[in-house]
Amino acid sequence: MIARRIPGWYQVIRVSEMSDAYQNLRPLYGDMHNHCGISYGHGSLEDALANAREQLDFVSITGHAHWPDMPVPEERIQYIIDFHEMGFERLRASWDGMMNTLRSWNEEGSFVVFPGFEVHSCASGDRNMLYKDLEGEILYPSSIGELHSELRRLRKGGRDSIAQPHHVGDRKGTRGLYWDSFDPSFAPFVEMLSMH
């Protein structure tokens, strides 16, 4: 039995009365935003993939890649800037090797791996970039408009991707999402919960 709300009351529907449209579908479980030591995080990529494969159908391990409007360097926050820049460089230097590792763990129909990376932005909010296929490069957009232009260019070339917004609960100006920068054609879903 399934209860569904219709104006003013609930209706109980027997599963046998439901349309056959959903009969052949099954739920899939995954994690589209996970980190490890490929940029700044902890643990190996292989451990992150092994842990995901034990309980998920799909995963994207997203390294931190870029922050075009990072705060202006000053002594008080220099350690934060250095920490981010070292992580960005680590991902850039290991990108090709990371992609090879992702390809070796991907098992179509069983455990699907989506390559991705994270772009920070104080102006529009952070985005996780996820490629549909096991190919792609790190993008370095300077704005949300430039990011969307890059995604359009990739789609025209046959390479689909999304830009999943996250940190939706953070304050504007601190990498929280600006909803006026949201474009559902590039973001079919948003992150609703973050361990932050």
C-alpha atoms as a PDB file:
ATOM      1  CA  MET A   1       0.000   0.000   0.000  1.00  0.00           C
ATOM      2  CA  ILE A   2       1.132   3.545  -0.728  1.00  0.00           C
ATOM      3  CA  ALA A   3      -0.409   6.667   0.795  1.00  0.00           C
ATOM      4  CA  ARG A   4      -0.472   9.752  -1.361  1.00  0.00           C
ATOM      5  CA  ARG A   5      -1.701  13.198  -0.475  1.00  0.00           C
ATOM      6  CA  ILE A   6      -4.359  14.750  -2.652  1.00  0.00           C
ATOM      7  CA  PRO A   7      -5.978  18.115  -1.841  1.00  0.00           C
ATOM      8  CA  GLY A   8      -7.381  17.962   1.667  1.00  0.00           C
ATOM      9  CA  TRP A   9      -6.917  14.237   2.353  1.00  0.00           C
ATOM     10  CA  TYR A  10      -4.851  11.133   1.768  1.00  0.00           C
ATOM     11  CA  GLN A  11      -5.635   8.344  -0.620  1.00  0.00           C
ATOM     12  CA  VAL A  12      -4.384   4.804  -0.134  1.00  0.00           C
ATOM     13  CA  ILE A  13      -3.447   3.001  -3.326  1.00  0.00           C
ATOM     14  CA  ARG A  14      -2.713  -0.692  -3.624  1.00  0.00           C
ATOM     15  CA  VAL A  15       0.572  -1.335  -5.392  1.00  0.00           C
ATOM     16  CA  SER A  16      -1.275  -3.578  -7.844  1.00  0.00           C
ATOM     17  CA  GLU A  17      -3.325  -0.544  -8.928  1.00  0.00           C
ATOM     18  CA  MET A  18      -0.260   1.543  -9.742  1.00  0.00           C
ATOM     19  CA  SER A  19       0.929   2.078 -13.266  1.00  0.00           C
ATOM     20  CA  ASP A  20       3.479  -0.385 -14.567  1.00  0.00           C
ATOM     21  CA  ALA A  21       5.750   2.567 -15.414  1.00  0.00           C
ATOM     22  CA  TYR A  22       7.768   2.110 -12.213  1.00  0.00           C
ATOM     23  CA  GLN A  23       7.701  -1.683 -11.965  1.00  0.00           C
ATOM     24  CA  ASN A  24      11.080  -2.202 -13.645  1.00  0.00           C
ATOM     25  CA  LEU A  25      12.901   0.570 -11.825  1.00  0.00           C
ATOM     26  CA  ARG A  26      15.092   0.069  -8.779  1.00  0.00           C
ATOM     27  CA  PRO A  27      16.676   2.592  -6.452  1.00  0.00           C
ATOM     28  CA  LEU A  28      20.401   3.243  -6.763  1.00  0.00           C
ATOM     29  CA  TYR A  29      22.483   4.665  -3.938  1.00  0.00           C
ATOM     30  CA  GLY A  30      25.487   6.852  -4.335  1.00  0.00           C
ATOM     31  CA  ASP A  31      27.650   9.704  -3.128  1.00  0.00           C
ATOM     32  CA  MET A  32      28.259  12.583  -5.529  1.00  0.00           C
ATOM     33  CA  HIS A  33      30.573  14.573  -3.258  1.00  0.00           C
ATOM     34  CA  ASN A  34      33.318  12.822  -1.364  1.00  0.00           C
ATOM     35  CA  HIS A  35      36.908  13.817  -0.659  1.00  0.00           C
ATOM     36  CA  CYS A  36      40.214  12.115   0.048  1.00  0.00           C
ATOM     37  CA  GLY A  37      43.918  12.952  -0.157  1.00  0.00           C
ATOM     38  CA  ILE A  38      43.919  13.707  -3.911  1.00  0.00           C
ATOM     39  CA  SER A  39      43.770  17.405  -2.996  1.00  0.00           C
ATOM     40  CA  TYR A  40      43.238  18.345   0.631  1.00  0.00           C
ATOM     41  CA  GLY A  41      41.500  15.570   2.439  1.00  0.00           C
ATOM     42  CA  HIS A  42      42.526  12.346   4.107  1.00  0.00           C
ATOM     43  CA  GLY A  43      43.185   8.835   2.889  1.00  0.00           C
ATOM     44  CA  SER A  44      44.020   7.376  -0.483  1.00  0.00           C
ATOM     45  CA  LEU A  45      41.833   7.425  -3.559  1.00  0.00           C
ATOM     46  CA  GLU A  46      41.884   3.623  -3.592  1.00  0.00           C
ATOM     47  CA  ASP A  47      40.596   3.452   0.008  1.00  0.00           C
ATOM     48  CA  ALA A  48      37.835   5.947  -0.779  1.00  0.00           C
ATOM     49  CA  LEU A  49      36.754   3.888  -3.797  1.00  0.00           C
ATOM     50  CA  ALA A  50      36.936   0.595  -1.881  1.00  0.00           C
ATOM     51  CA  ASN A  51      34.787   2.013   0.937  1.00  0.00           C
ATOM     52  CA  ALA A  52      32.259   3.360  -1.563  1.00  0.00           C
ATOM     53  CA  ARG A  53      32.079   0.098  -3.509  1.00  0.00           C
ATOM     54  CA  GLU A  54      31.138  -1.823  -0.354  1.00  0.00           C
ATOM     55  CA  GLN A  55      27.828   0.019   0.008  1.00  0.00           C
ATOM     56  CA  LEU A  56      27.094   2.208  -3.006  1.00  0.00           C
ATOM     57  CA  ASP A  57      26.118   1.837  -6.648  1.00  0.00           C
ATOM     58  CA  PHE A  58      27.937   4.994  -7.788  1.00  0.00           C
ATOM     59  CA  VAL A  59      30.394   7.552  -6.460  1.00  0.00           C
ATOM     60  CA  SER A  60      32.330  10.671  -7.349  1.00  0.00           C
ATOM     61  CA  ILE A  61      35.510  11.409  -5.430  1.00  0.00           C
ATOM     62  CA  THR A  62      35.911  15.146  -6.008  1.00  0.00           C
ATOM     63  CA  GLY A  63      39.229  16.862  -5.461  1.00  0.00           C
ATOM     64  CA  HIS A  64      39.408  20.565  -4.650  1.00  0.00           C
ATOM     65  CA  ALA A  65      40.611  22.310  -7.800  1.00  0.00           C
ATOM     66  CA  HIS A  66      40.191  26.054  -7.942  1.00  0.00           C
ATOM     67  CA  TRP A  67      39.125  29.225  -6.087  1.00  0.00           C
ATOM     68  CA  PRO A  68      39.173  32.227  -8.439  1.00  0.00           C
ATOM     69  CA  ASP A  69      38.024  34.767  -5.832  1.00  0.00           C
ATOM     70  CA  MET A  70      40.076  33.523  -2.905  1.00  0.00           C
ATOM     71  CA  PRO A  71      40.507  36.158  -0.175  1.00  0.00           C
ATOM     72  CA  VAL A  72      43.351  38.602  -0.673  1.00  0.00           C
ATOM     73  CA  PRO A  73      46.511  37.291   0.988  1.00  0.00           C
ATOM     74  CA  GLU A  74      47.267  38.742   4.385  1.00  0.00           C
ATOM     75  CA  GLU A  75      49.378  37.432   7.232  1.00  0.00           C
ATOM     76  CA  ARG A  76      46.396  36.446   9.401  1.00  0.00           C
ATOM     77  CA  ILE A  77      44.954  34.019   6.796  1.00  0.00           C
ATOM     78  CA  GLN A  78      48.040  33.129   4.747  1.00  0.00           C
ATOM     79  CA  TYR A  79      48.101  29.591   6.159  1.00  0.00           C
ATOM     80  CA  ILE A  80      44.552  29.044   4.837  1.00  0.00           C
ATOM     81  CA  ILE A  81      45.505  30.295   1.385  1.00  0.00           C
ATOM     82  CA  ASP A  82      48.652  28.138   1.344  1.00  0.00           C
ATOM     83  CA  PHE A  83      46.630  25.082   2.424  1.00  0.00           C
ATOM     84  CA  HIS A  84      44.167  25.549  -0.449  1.00  0.00           C
ATOM     85  CA  GLU A  85      46.816  26.283  -3.065  1.00  0.00           C
ATOM     86  CA  MET A  86      48.813  23.184  -2.101  1.00  0.00           C
ATOM     87  CA  GLY A  87      45.664  21.061  -2.431  1.00  0.00           C
ATOM     88  CA  PHE A  88      44.824  22.566  -5.831  1.00  0.00           C
ATOM     89  CA  GLU A  89      48.358  21.846  -7.047  1.00  0.00           C
ATOM     90  CA  ARG A  90      48.236  18.275  -5.732  1.00  0.00           C
ATOM     91  CA  LEU A  91      45.059  17.589  -7.738  1.00  0.00           C
ATOM     92  CA  ARG A  92      46.424  19.259 -10.884  1.00  0.00           C
ATOM     93  CA  ALA A  93      49.633  17.215 -10.723  1.00  0.00           C
ATOM     94  CA  SER A  94      47.842  13.897 -10.109  1.00  0.00           C
ATOM     95  CA  TRP A  95      44.817  14.367 -12.416  1.00  0.00           C
ATOM     96  CA  ASP A  96      45.936  11.952 -15.174  1.00  0.00           C
ATOM     97  CA  GLY A  97      46.873   9.246 -12.675  1.00  0.00           C
ATOM     98  CA  MET A  98      43.621   9.800 -10.787  1.00  0.00           C
ATOM     99  CA  MET A  99      41.615   9.362 -13.994  1.00  0.00           C
ATOM    100  CA  ASN A 100      43.416   6.082 -14.730  1.00  0.00           C
ATOM    101  CA  THR A 101      42.600   4.845 -11.215  1.00  0.00           C
ATOM    102  CA  LEU A 102      38.945   5.806 -11.611  1.00  0.00           C
ATOM    103  CA  ARG A 103      38.756   3.933 -14.935  1.00  0.00           C
ATOM    104  CA  SER A 104      40.208   0.802 -13.328  1.00  0.00           C
ATOM    105  CA  TRP A 105      37.571   0.844 -10.547  1.00  0.00           C
ATOM    106  CA  ASN A 106      34.565   1.600 -12.742  1.00  0.00           C
ATOM    107  CA  GLU A 107      32.305  -1.414 -13.361  1.00  0.00           C
ATOM    108  CA  GLU A 108      29.411  -0.415 -15.616  1.00  0.00           C
ATOM    109  CA  GLY A 109      26.121  -1.726 -14.247  1.00  0.00           C
ATOM    110  CA  SER A 110      27.625  -2.561 -10.866  1.00  0.00           C
ATOM    111  CA  PHE A 111      29.764   0.271  -9.477  1.00  0.00           C
ATOM    112  CA  VAL A 112      29.880   3.438 -11.572  1.00  0.00           C
ATOM    113  CA  VAL A 113      32.514   6.104 -10.955  1.00  0.00           C
ATOM    114  CA  PHE A 114      32.043   9.709 -12.071  1.00  0.00           C
ATOM    115  CA  PRO A 115      35.183  11.869 -12.245  1.00  0.00           C
ATOM    116  CA  GLY A 116      34.847  15.264 -10.672  1.00  0.00           C
ATOM    117  CA  PHE A 117      36.389  18.235  -8.956  1.00  0.00           C
ATOM    118  CA  GLU A 118      35.246  21.128  -6.808  1.00  0.00           C
ATOM    119  CA  VAL A 119      35.388  24.824  -7.686  1.00  0.00           C
ATOM    120  CA  HIS A 120      35.030  27.342  -4.841  1.00  0.00           C
ATOM    121  CA  SER A 121      33.414  30.751  -5.250  1.00  0.00           C
ATOM    122  CA  CYS A 122      32.570  33.505  -2.796  1.00  0.00           C
ATOM    123  CA  ALA A 123      30.606  35.257  -5.560  1.00  0.00           C
ATOM    124  CA  SER A 124      28.195  32.444  -6.490  1.00  0.00           C
ATOM    125  CA  GLY A 125      28.843  29.496  -4.186  1.00  0.00           C
ATOM    126  CA  ASP A 126      30.803  26.270  -4.542  1.00  0.00           C
ATOM    127  CA  ARG A 127      30.092  23.752  -7.297  1.00  0.00           C
ATOM    128  CA  ASN A 128      31.078  20.121  -7.751  1.00  0.00           C
ATOM    129  CA  MET A 129      31.858  19.435 -11.377  1.00  0.00           C
ATOM    130  CA  LEU A 130      30.993  15.898 -12.424  1.00  0.00           C
ATOM    131  CA  TYR A 131      31.694  14.347 -15.809  1.00  0.00           C
ATOM    132  CA  LYS A 132      29.279  11.741 -17.144  1.00  0.00           C
ATOM    133  CA  ASP A 133      32.051   9.706 -18.743  1.00  0.00           C
ATOM    134  CA  LEU A 134      35.522   8.774 -17.571  1.00  0.00           C
ATOM    135  CA  GLU A 135      37.217  11.594 -19.425  1.00  0.00           C
ATOM    136  CA  GLY A 136      37.621  15.310 -18.928  1.00  0.00           C
ATOM    137  CA  GLU A 137      39.974  17.910 -17.576  1.00  0.00           C
ATOM    138  CA  ILE A 138      39.928  20.355 -14.708  1.00  0.00           C
ATOM    139  CA  LEU A 139      38.174  23.592 -15.634  1.00  0.00           C
ATOM    140  CA  TYR A 140      39.389  26.899 -14.235  1.00  0.00           C
ATOM    141  CA  PRO A 141      36.434  29.304 -14.629  1.00  0.00           C
ATOM    142  CA  SER A 142      36.704  32.805 -13.186  1.00  0.00           C
ATOM    143  CA  SER A 143      32.916  33.183 -12.742  1.00  0.00           C
ATOM    144  CA  ILE A 144      29.662  31.233 -12.823  1.00  0.00           C
ATOM    145  CA  GLY A 145      28.953  32.649 -16.290  1.00  0.00           C
ATOM    146  CA  GLU A 146      32.285  31.363 -17.559  1.00  0.00           C
ATOM    147  CA  LEU A 147      31.620  27.987 -15.935  1.00  0.00           C
ATOM    148  CA  HIS A 148      28.258  27.676 -17.689  1.00  0.00           C
ATOM    149  CA  SER A 149      29.874  28.684 -20.996  1.00  0.00           C
ATOM    150  CA  GLU A 150      32.489  25.955 -20.553  1.00  0.00           C
ATOM    151  CA  LEU A 151      29.782  23.377 -19.810  1.00  0.00           C
ATOM    152  CA  ARG A 152      27.840  24.412 -22.926  1.00  0.00           C
ATOM    153  CA  ARG A 153      31.000  24.051 -25.017  1.00  0.00           C
ATOM    154  CA  LEU A 154      31.630  20.581 -23.595  1.00  0.00           C
ATOM    155  CA  ARG A 155      28.043  19.490 -24.276  1.00  0.00           C
ATOM    156  CA  LYS A 156      28.239  20.668 -27.866  1.00  0.00           C
ATOM    157  CA  GLY A 157      31.349  18.500 -28.186  1.00  0.00           C
ATOM    158  CA  GLY A 158      29.497  15.466 -26.813  1.00  0.00           C
ATOM    159  CA  ARG A 159      30.911  15.541 -23.269  1.00  0.00           C
ATOM    160  CA  ASP A 160      28.149  15.947 -20.711  1.00  0.00           C
ATOM    161  CA  SER A 161      28.731  17.217 -17.198  1.00  0.00           C
ATOM    162  CA  ILE A 162      26.938  18.892 -14.324  1.00  0.00           C
ATOM    163  CA  ALA A 163      27.812  21.581 -11.787  1.00  0.00           C
ATOM    164  CA  GLN A 164      26.197  20.460  -8.532  1.00  0.00           C
ATOM    165  CA  PRO A 165      25.781  23.315  -6.018  1.00  0.00           C
ATOM    166  CA  HIS A 166      26.650  22.552  -2.445  1.00  0.00           C
ATOM    167  CA  HIS A 167      27.149  24.284   0.901  1.00  0.00           C
ATOM    168  CA  VAL A 168      23.629  25.600   0.372  1.00  0.00           C
ATOM    169  CA  GLY A 169      23.351  26.457   4.076  1.00  0.00           C
ATOM    170  CA  ASP A 170      26.505  28.593   4.247  1.00  0.00           C
ATOM    171  CA  ARG A 171      26.276  32.364   4.255  1.00  0.00           C
ATOM    172  CA  LYS A 172      26.530  34.272   0.989  1.00  0.00           C
ATOM    173  CA  GLY A 173      30.049  35.558   0.461  1.00  0.00           C
ATOM    174  CA  THR A 174      31.545  32.585   2.312  1.00  0.00           C
ATOM    175  CA  ARG A 175      31.116  30.101  -0.553  1.00  0.00           C
ATOM    176  CA  GLY A 176      27.438  29.531   0.212  1.00  0.00           C
ATOM    177  CA  LEU A 177      25.123  29.180  -2.777  1.00  0.00           C
ATOM    178  CA  TYR A 178      23.636  32.266  -4.422  1.00  0.00           C
ATOM    179  CA  TRP A 179      20.339  30.943  -5.754  1.00  0.00           C
ATOM    180  CA  ASP A 180      20.251  33.561  -8.505  1.00  0.00           C
ATOM    181  CA  SER A 181      23.286  31.771 -10.006  1.00  0.00           C
ATOM    182  CA  PHE A 182      21.452  28.432 -10.055  1.00  0.00           C
ATOM    183  CA  ASP A 183      20.755  26.990 -13.498  1.00  0.00           C
ATOM    184  CA  PRO A 184      18.877  23.661 -13.521  1.00  0.00           C
ATOM    185  CA  SER A 185      20.190  22.809 -16.981  1.00  0.00           C
ATOM    186  CA  PHE A 186      23.626  22.385 -15.370  1.00  0.00           C
ATOM    187  CA  ALA A 187      22.420  21.295 -11.929  1.00  0.00           C
ATOM    188  CA  PRO A 188      19.657  18.686 -11.972  1.00  0.00           C
ATOM    189  CA  PHE A 189      20.036  18.338  -8.187  1.00  0.00           C
ATOM    190  CA  VAL A 190      21.646  20.153  -5.260  1.00  0.00           C
ATOM    191  CA  GLU A 191      23.361  18.938  -2.139  1.00  0.00           C
ATOM    192  CA  MET A 192      20.928  19.140   0.766  1.00  0.00           C
ATOM    193  CA  LEU A 193      23.206  18.056   3.624  1.00  0.00           C
ATOM    194  CA  SER A 194      26.894  18.627   4.213  1.00  0.00           C
ATOM    195  CA  MET A 195      29.044  17.438   7.089  1.00  0.00           C
ATOM    196  CA  HIS A 196      30.206  21.049   7.400  1.00  0.00           C
END
